[in-house]
Amino acid sequence: MCLGIPMQVIEINGFNARCTAKGVERDVSLFMMQHEPVEVGEFIMVHVGYAIQKMSEAEALSTWDCLTKCYKRLRKLKNARIIGVSSPTRSSRNGGATASSN
């Protein structure tokens, strides 16, 4: 699975940008964005160190909201497993039906 992270550009030097998100700064390549110039203050989607598209501030905030909710849900599930609460089994998720193999 691939995951892109929204970041805001704070400095540009040629095809390289310094970007920030959630208090973390990273150097990002703008090489793949040659067709669409990027400016300081704009938001970009970053995947494995490369800017892959521009995005609005609203899109960036919405994406971070979604990622935060996913993270909190995963932490909750992980903590439940640590204290011995198991997740639903396949049969309980599909109304008790189980797959049979012949």
Protein backbone atom coordinates (compact mmCIF):
# COMPACT_ATOMS: atom_id res chain seq x y z
CA MET A 1 0.00 0.00 0.00
CA CYS A 2 1.27 3.47 -0.85
CA LEU A 3 0.77 6.48 1.34
CA GLY A 4 1.16 10.14 0.42
CA ILE A 5 1.62 12.75 3.12
CA PRO A 6 0.42 16.35 2.77
CA MET A 7 3.16 18.88 3.49
CA GLN A 8 3.55 22.64 3.22
CA VAL A 9 6.50 24.07 1.31
CA ILE A 10 8.59 26.44 3.43
CA GLU A 11 11.66 26.86 1.21
CA ILE A 12 12.60 26.07 -2.40
CA ASN A 13 16.07 25.62 -3.87
CA GLY A 14 15.92 24.46 -7.48
CA PHE A 15 14.20 21.07 -7.62
CA ASN A 16 14.42 20.64 -3.85
CA ALA A 17 12.05 21.96 -1.22
CA ARG A 18 12.03 22.06 2.56
CA CYS A 19 8.56 21.06 3.70
CA THR A 20 6.78 20.79 7.02
CA ALA A 21 3.88 18.79 8.43
CA LYS A 22 2.83 18.29 12.04
CA GLY A 23 6.06 19.89 13.26
CA VAL A 24 8.32 17.63 11.18
CA GLU A 25 10.49 19.05 8.40
CA ARG A 26 11.73 17.08 5.41
CA ASP A 27 13.65 17.72 2.21
CA VAL A 28 11.44 16.86 -0.76
CA SER A 29 12.29 16.53 -4.44
CA LEU A 30 10.22 18.67 -6.79
CA PHE A 31 11.63 16.92 -9.86
CA MET A 32 8.32 15.21 -10.69
CA MET A 33 6.49 18.57 -10.46
CA GLN A 34 8.35 20.27 -13.34
CA HIS A 35 5.07 20.58 -15.28
CA GLU A 36 3.41 22.46 -12.39
CA PRO A 37 5.57 25.05 -10.60
CA VAL A 38 5.40 24.96 -6.80
CA GLU A 39 5.71 28.05 -4.61
CA VAL A 40 6.56 28.61 -0.95
CA GLY A 41 3.41 28.32 1.17
CA GLU A 42 1.66 25.83 -1.11
CA PHE A 43 0.66 22.33 -0.07
CA ILE A 44 1.90 19.23 -1.85
CA MET A 45 1.37 15.48 -1.55
CA VAL A 46 4.68 13.75 -0.77
CA HIS A 47 5.38 10.09 -1.49
CA VAL A 48 8.78 8.54 -0.67
CA GLY A 49 10.46 11.92 -0.71
CA TYR A 50 8.94 13.19 -3.98
CA ALA A 51 6.21 15.78 -4.45
CA ILE A 52 3.60 14.10 -6.64
CA GLN A 53 0.85 16.74 -6.79
CA LYS A 54 -0.29 20.09 -5.47
CA MET A 55 -3.25 20.25 -3.14
CA SER A 56 -5.29 22.94 -1.47
CA GLU A 57 -4.96 23.72 2.22
CA ALA A 58 -8.46 22.30 2.74
CA GLU A 59 -7.46 19.02 1.05
CA ALA A 60 -4.31 18.82 3.17
CA LEU A 61 -6.25 19.41 6.40
CA SER A 62 -8.92 16.89 5.41
CA THR A 63 -6.26 14.29 4.62
CA TRP A 64 -4.52 14.89 7.96
CA ASP A 65 -7.87 14.56 9.74
CA CYS A 66 -8.43 11.20 8.06
CA LEU A 67 -4.88 9.99 8.81
CA THR A 68 -5.23 11.04 12.45
CA LYS A 69 -8.51 9.12 12.80
CA CYS A 70 -6.93 6.03 11.25
CA TYR A 71 -3.92 6.28 13.57
CA LYS A 72 -6.14 6.63 16.66
CA ARG A 73 -8.21 3.62 15.59
CA LEU A 74 -5.11 1.50 15.02
CA ARG A 75 -3.69 2.52 18.44
CA LYS A 76 -7.01 1.59 20.06
CA LEU A 77 -6.98 -1.83 18.38
CA LYS A 78 -3.34 -2.41 19.31
CA ASN A 79 -3.99 -1.45 22.94
CA ALA A 80 -7.04 -3.73 23.06
CA ARG A 81 -4.91 -6.67 21.91
CA ILE A 82 -2.23 -5.86 24.50
CA ILE A 83 -4.73 -6.05 27.37
CA GLY A 84 -6.28 -9.26 26.05
CA VAL A 85 -9.37 -8.03 24.22
CA SER A 86 -9.55 -9.86 20.93
CA SER A 87 -10.90 -8.44 17.71
CA PRO A 88 -14.07 -9.90 16.16
CA THR A 89 -13.60 -13.22 14.43
CA ARG A 90 -14.49 -13.73 10.81
CA SER A 91 -17.63 -15.68 11.74
CA SER A 92 -18.92 -12.96 14.06
CA ARG A 93 -18.35 -10.28 11.42
CA ASN A 94 -20.41 -12.07 8.78
CA GLY A 95 -23.34 -13.12 10.94
CA GLY A 96 -21.94 -16.48 12.05
CA ALA A 97 -21.47 -17.90 8.56
CA THR A 98 -18.16 -19.60 7.95
CA ALA A 99 -16.52 -20.51 4.71
CA SER A 100 -16.42 -24.23 4.04
CA SER A 101 -13.70 -25.96 2.14
CA ASN A 102 -14.46 -29.07 0.12
